[in-house]
């Protein structure tokens, strides 16, 4: 049994002869904090969408989905890839933006599209614009009129801000 006396160890229990290890540990901690601060990750938002049309049959079927993009997010660029989730995550598809954004939609246009007066009024307050996306070919696509959630990337946020719980940057 080889027990060391308290004088042979530092406050964390490391042998005193390993004093040279502390500067490396501090440097490693500083590098880790700087990397958390420097790394940026995509910031995403989910927006409401409605399936408006279907194209093709079987394995080559595609869905045309109208995305209701709030004005504060700005129009999505043509060809941008977005993720579409329908039926409570039972159906997840990838899609590409196919058209330019329209003007801000009226309450009546939104009511016709989503089928709900309350949802149309809420979307109208967000000043949404209509933009169409087309899903990639799949054997299962959403039915016309089905409501979906579309995930769009609208900037980047520091990883440290995400881990800290704040989304201010």
Protein backbone atom coordinates (compact mmCIF):
# COMPACT_ATOMS: atom_id res chain seq x y z
CA UNK A 1 0.00 0.00 0.00
CA UNK A 2 1.44 3.19 -1.21
CA UNK A 3 -0.40 6.14 0.32
CA UNK A 4 0.79 9.66 -0.26
CA UNK A 5 0.75 12.28 2.42
CA UNK A 6 -1.20 15.50 1.90
CA UNK A 7 2.04 17.43 1.31
CA UNK A 8 2.87 15.28 -1.74
CA UNK A 9 -0.36 16.21 -3.60
CA UNK A 10 -1.97 19.46 -4.68
CA UNK A 11 -5.54 20.57 -3.92
CA UNK A 12 -7.01 18.25 -6.60
CA UNK A 13 -5.04 15.22 -5.57
CA UNK A 14 -2.44 15.24 -8.36
CA UNK A 15 1.17 14.51 -7.37
CA UNK A 16 3.17 17.72 -6.93
CA UNK A 17 5.83 16.47 -9.34
CA UNK A 18 3.23 16.78 -12.14
CA UNK A 19 3.02 20.61 -11.82
CA UNK A 20 3.79 20.94 -15.54
CA UNK A 21 0.39 19.38 -16.38
CA UNK A 22 -1.64 22.40 -15.15
CA UNK A 23 -0.59 24.86 -17.90
CA UNK A 24 -1.58 22.30 -20.55
CA UNK A 25 -4.97 21.74 -18.92
CA UNK A 26 -5.60 25.50 -18.72
CA UNK A 27 -4.55 25.92 -22.37
CA UNK A 28 -6.88 23.09 -23.39
CA UNK A 29 -9.75 24.75 -21.52
CA UNK A 30 -9.04 28.12 -23.20
CA UNK A 31 -8.96 26.50 -26.65
CA UNK A 32 -12.25 24.72 -25.93
CA UNK A 33 -13.97 27.97 -24.85
CA UNK A 34 -12.64 29.84 -27.91
CA UNK A 35 -13.85 27.09 -30.23
CA UNK A 36 -17.33 27.18 -28.67
CA UNK A 37 -17.39 30.93 -29.22
CA UNK A 38 -16.05 30.79 -32.79
CA UNK A 39 -18.18 27.95 -34.18
CA UNK A 40 -21.42 29.07 -35.80
CA UNK A 41 -24.31 26.73 -36.50
CA UNK A 42 -27.33 27.26 -38.76
CA UNK A 43 -30.31 28.90 -37.10
CA UNK A 44 -33.56 27.33 -38.26
CA UNK A 45 -37.23 28.18 -37.99
CA UNK A 46 -40.31 26.15 -38.76
CA UNK A 47 -42.96 27.83 -40.91
CA UNK A 48 -46.44 26.71 -41.91
CA UNK A 49 -47.10 25.15 -45.32
CA UNK A 50 -50.00 23.57 -47.21
CA UNK A 51 -49.81 20.94 -49.94
CA UNK A 52 -51.43 22.40 -53.04
CA UNK A 53 -50.79 19.86 -55.82
CA UNK A 54 -49.35 16.46 -56.71
CA UNK A 55 -47.30 15.58 -59.76
CA UNK A 56 -46.64 12.09 -61.10
CA UNK A 57 -47.53 8.62 -59.84
CA UNK A 58 -45.84 5.84 -57.86
CA UNK A 59 -42.13 6.17 -57.19
CA UNK A 60 -41.84 9.36 -59.25
CA UNK A 61 -44.55 11.31 -57.41
CA UNK A 62 -43.77 14.83 -56.26
CA UNK A 63 -45.78 17.26 -54.17
CA UNK A 64 -46.06 20.99 -54.70
CA UNK A 65 -46.23 22.70 -51.33
CA UNK A 66 -47.09 26.34 -50.66
CA UNK A 67 -44.87 27.69 -47.90
CA UNK A 68 -46.11 30.70 -45.94
CA UNK A 69 -42.88 32.57 -45.19
CA UNK A 70 -43.10 35.46 -42.69
CA UNK A 71 -41.75 38.74 -44.09
CA UNK A 72 -39.16 39.06 -41.31
CA UNK A 73 -37.44 35.87 -42.59
CA UNK A 74 -37.30 37.19 -46.14
CA UNK A 75 -37.86 35.30 -49.36
CA UNK A 76 -36.10 31.98 -49.73
CA UNK A 77 -33.65 31.82 -52.66
CA UNK A 78 -34.58 29.64 -55.63
CA UNK A 79 -33.16 26.14 -55.38
CA UNK A 80 -32.69 26.28 -51.60
CA UNK A 81 -33.27 22.89 -49.98
CA UNK A 82 -35.78 22.79 -47.13
CA UNK A 83 -37.09 19.99 -44.92
CA UNK A 84 -40.83 19.28 -44.97
CA UNK A 85 -42.56 17.37 -42.15
CA UNK A 86 -46.19 16.31 -42.52
CA UNK A 87 -48.58 14.17 -40.47
CA UNK A 88 -46.82 14.66 -37.13
CA UNK A 89 -43.38 13.50 -38.35
CA UNK A 90 -44.72 10.36 -40.04
CA UNK A 91 -43.71 11.80 -43.41
CA UNK A 92 -40.45 13.71 -43.76
CA UNK A 93 -39.34 14.93 -47.18
CA UNK A 94 -36.69 17.14 -48.71
CA UNK A 95 -37.84 19.85 -51.11
CA UNK A 96 -36.44 22.71 -53.16
CA UNK A 97 -37.77 26.25 -53.50
CA UNK A 98 -39.37 26.52 -56.93
CA UNK A 99 -40.84 30.05 -57.22
CA UNK A 100 -40.13 33.61 -56.14
CA UNK A 101 -42.02 34.99 -53.14
CA UNK A 102 -45.37 36.67 -53.79
CA UNK A 103 -46.65 39.87 -52.27
CA UNK A 104 -47.96 39.78 -48.70
CA UNK A 105 -51.13 37.69 -48.71
CA UNK A 106 -54.51 39.04 -47.59
CA UNK A 107 -56.60 37.43 -44.86
CA UNK A 108 -59.06 36.11 -47.46
CA UNK A 109 -56.26 34.52 -49.55
CA UNK A 110 -54.85 32.91 -46.43
CA UNK A 111 -58.30 31.68 -45.36
CA UNK A 112 -58.82 30.08 -48.77
CA UNK A 113 -55.41 28.41 -48.55
CA UNK A 114 -55.39 27.12 -44.96
CA UNK A 115 -59.14 26.66 -44.44
CA UNK A 116 -59.23 28.30 -41.01
CA UNK A 117 -60.19 31.87 -40.17
CA UNK A 118 -58.19 31.92 -36.92
CA UNK A 119 -55.05 30.51 -38.50
CA UNK A 120 -55.41 32.92 -41.43
CA UNK A 121 -55.62 35.91 -39.08
CA UNK A 122 -52.57 34.73 -37.12
CA UNK A 123 -50.59 34.27 -40.34
CA UNK A 124 -51.78 37.66 -41.62
CA UNK A 125 -50.30 39.32 -38.52
CA UNK A 126 -46.93 37.78 -39.50
CA UNK A 127 -47.27 39.35 -42.99
CA UNK A 128 -46.60 36.06 -44.75
CA UNK A 129 -45.62 35.67 -48.38
CA UNK A 130 -46.42 32.63 -50.48
CA UNK A 131 -43.56 30.63 -51.99
CA UNK A 132 -43.82 27.21 -53.60
CA UNK A 133 -41.49 24.26 -53.03
CA UNK A 134 -41.45 20.94 -54.85
CA UNK A 135 -40.53 17.76 -52.99
CA UNK A 136 -38.04 15.26 -54.29
CA UNK A 137 -39.46 12.11 -55.90
CA UNK A 138 -40.92 9.74 -53.33
CA UNK A 139 -43.42 6.91 -53.11
CA UNK A 140 -45.31 8.65 -50.28
CA UNK A 141 -46.19 12.33 -50.58
CA UNK A 142 -48.66 14.50 -48.66
CA UNK A 143 -52.23 14.77 -49.93
CA UNK A 144 -53.50 18.09 -51.34
CA UNK A 145 -54.73 20.34 -48.55
CA UNK A 146 -52.54 18.68 -45.91
CA UNK A 147 -50.82 21.06 -43.49
CA UNK A 148 -47.07 20.66 -43.03
CA UNK A 149 -44.16 22.30 -41.25
CA UNK A 150 -41.18 23.46 -43.30
CA UNK A 151 -37.79 24.01 -41.69
CA UNK A 152 -35.85 26.92 -43.20
CA UNK A 153 -32.37 28.20 -42.38
CA UNK A 154 -32.29 31.93 -41.77
CA UNK A 155 -28.86 32.75 -40.47
CA UNK A 156 -26.22 31.48 -38.13
CA UNK A 157 -25.84 31.62 -34.37
CA UNK A 158 -22.81 31.06 -32.18
CA UNK A 159 -22.70 27.62 -30.59
CA UNK A 160 -21.88 29.19 -27.23
CA UNK A 161 -25.13 31.23 -27.43
CA UNK A 162 -27.13 28.06 -28.09
CA UNK A 163 -25.50 26.18 -25.23
CA UNK A 164 -26.00 29.15 -22.95
CA UNK A 165 -29.70 29.24 -23.75
CA UNK A 166 -29.64 32.71 -25.31
CA UNK A 167 -30.48 33.39 -28.94
CA UNK A 168 -29.55 37.08 -28.92
CA UNK A 169 -26.74 36.98 -31.49
